[in-house]
Amino acid sequence: MAVSLGLHSIYTGIEKVFEQIAREVDGSLQKGERWHKSLLEQMASDVVGVRSAVIDTQTFEALEHYLGFRHVVRSNYAYRLEPERIEANFLVFESCYESLCAQVDDICGFLIAAD
């Protein structure tokens, strides 16, 4: 349970970074039921004349999977979590963490240079 809540918190932090980019750089943040998925799609897309994609396709796919797991934890289905699922989702996060950090660093460098 503690690991699943930790993973939930990490994803929430990643999402907050993406929200800030969407608001302050792109000038738009989706609303509605699918806003979490829309935000990921927005970060995986170029915004013409503004910025290139923040994350690549592989990172998008890993985070999309991770988003689904976070939903399970957030929706109080945690009592149904199986240790194997928690471990699998930890490995998904672990596999994309370094590339995610590098990609966020790249967009930060781009924004600093553009300023």
Protein backbone atom coordinates (compact mmCIF):
# COMPACT_ATOMS: atom_id res chain seq x y z
CA MET A 1 0.00 0.00 0.00
CA ALA A 2 2.80 2.43 0.92
CA VAL A 3 4.58 1.84 -2.40
CA SER A 4 1.37 2.36 -4.38
CA LEU A 5 0.70 5.63 -2.53
CA GLY A 6 4.29 6.71 -3.17
CA LEU A 7 3.89 5.99 -6.88
CA HIS A 8 0.61 7.94 -6.84
CA SER A 9 2.38 10.94 -5.30
CA ILE A 10 5.22 10.82 -7.82
CA TYR A 11 2.77 10.80 -10.73
CA THR A 12 0.88 13.71 -9.19
CA GLY A 13 4.15 15.66 -9.04
CA ILE A 14 4.91 14.91 -12.69
CA GLU A 15 1.43 16.02 -13.61
CA LYS A 16 1.89 19.33 -11.74
CA VAL A 17 5.00 20.06 -13.83
CA PHE A 18 3.02 19.30 -17.00
CA GLU A 19 0.13 21.51 -15.84
CA GLN A 20 2.52 24.41 -15.33
CA ILE A 21 3.97 23.95 -18.83
CA ALA A 22 0.46 23.75 -20.30
CA ARG A 23 -0.69 26.93 -18.56
CA GLU A 24 2.38 29.11 -18.76
CA VAL A 25 4.00 27.99 -22.02
CA ASP A 26 1.16 26.62 -24.13
CA GLY A 27 -1.45 28.99 -22.73
CA SER A 28 -4.06 26.26 -22.41
CA LEU A 29 -5.00 23.50 -20.03
CA GLN A 30 -7.74 21.06 -20.94
CA LYS A 31 -10.70 20.58 -18.64
CA GLY A 32 -13.29 17.85 -18.33
CA GLU A 33 -13.32 14.17 -17.48
CA ARG A 34 -10.34 13.25 -19.63
CA TRP A 35 -8.09 16.15 -18.67
CA HIS A 36 -5.39 13.89 -17.21
CA LYS A 37 -5.07 11.95 -20.48
CA SER A 38 -5.43 15.14 -22.53
CA LEU A 39 -2.57 16.70 -20.57
CA LEU A 40 -0.32 13.74 -21.39
CA GLU A 41 -1.30 13.99 -25.06
CA GLN A 42 -0.56 17.72 -24.99
CA MET A 43 2.91 17.09 -23.53
CA ALA A 44 3.61 14.50 -26.24
CA SER A 45 2.69 16.96 -29.02
CA ASP A 46 4.47 19.88 -30.60
CA VAL A 47 2.87 23.28 -30.12
CA VAL A 48 3.66 25.00 -33.40
CA GLY A 49 5.62 28.19 -32.92
CA VAL A 50 5.86 27.64 -29.17
CA ARG A 51 7.68 24.42 -28.26
CA SER A 52 8.46 20.90 -29.37
CA ALA A 53 6.96 17.88 -27.62
CA VAL A 54 7.97 17.72 -23.97
CA ILE A 55 7.95 13.90 -23.84
CA ASP A 56 8.62 11.31 -26.52
CA THR A 57 6.30 8.47 -27.54
CA GLN A 58 7.97 5.88 -25.30
CA THR A 59 7.69 8.12 -22.23
CA PHE A 60 4.09 8.97 -23.15
CA GLU A 61 3.19 5.28 -23.30
CA ALA A 62 4.86 4.54 -19.96
CA LEU A 63 3.16 7.51 -18.28
CA GLU A 64 -0.19 6.58 -19.83
CA HIS A 65 0.12 3.15 -18.24
CA TYR A 66 1.22 4.72 -14.98
CA LEU A 67 -1.78 7.10 -15.10
CA GLY A 68 -4.12 4.10 -15.21
CA PHE A 69 -2.48 2.62 -12.13
CA ARG A 70 -2.66 5.96 -10.33
CA HIS A 71 -6.39 6.04 -11.05
CA VAL A 72 -6.82 2.65 -9.39
CA VAL A 73 -4.97 3.86 -6.29
CA ARG A 74 -6.80 7.19 -6.21
CA SER A 75 -10.23 5.61 -6.63
CA ASN A 76 -9.95 3.62 -3.43
CA TYR A 77 -9.47 0.33 -5.18
CA ALA A 78 -6.20 0.00 -3.27
CA TYR A 79 -7.59 -2.80 -1.19
CA ARG A 80 -7.65 -4.82 -4.42
CA LEU A 81 -4.05 -4.07 -5.36
CA GLU A 82 -1.87 -7.07 -5.83
CA PRO A 83 1.85 -6.96 -5.02
CA GLU A 84 2.64 -8.06 -8.58
CA ARG A 85 0.72 -5.09 -10.04
CA ILE A 86 2.45 -2.67 -7.70
CA GLU A 87 5.85 -4.07 -8.66
CA ALA A 88 4.97 -3.97 -12.37
CA ASN A 89 3.96 -0.34 -12.12
CA PHE A 90 7.08 0.52 -10.17
CA LEU A 91 9.12 -1.01 -12.99
CA VAL A 92 7.16 1.03 -15.56
CA PHE A 93 8.02 4.19 -13.65
CA GLU A 94 11.62 3.15 -13.16
CA SER A 95 12.00 2.47 -16.89
CA CYS A 96 10.94 5.97 -17.91
CA TYR A 97 12.27 8.05 -15.01
CA GLU A 98 15.67 8.95 -16.46
CA SER A 99 14.32 9.79 -19.90
CA LEU A 100 11.48 11.80 -18.34
CA CYS A 101 13.97 13.84 -16.29
CA ALA A 102 16.16 14.43 -19.35
CA GLN A 103 13.16 15.50 -21.43
CA VAL A 104 11.92 17.92 -18.77
CA ASP A 105 15.47 19.30 -18.46
CA ASP A 106 15.50 19.81 -22.24
CA ILE A 107 12.26 21.80 -22.23
CA CYS A 108 13.52 23.87 -19.28
CA GLY A 109 16.73 24.62 -21.19
CA PHE A 110 14.70 25.60 -24.25
CA LEU A 111 12.47 27.90 -22.20
CA ILE A 112 15.45 29.55 -20.47
CA ALA A 113 17.16 30.12 -23.83
CA ALA A 114 13.94 31.53 -25.33
CA ASP A 115 13.47 33.95 -22.43
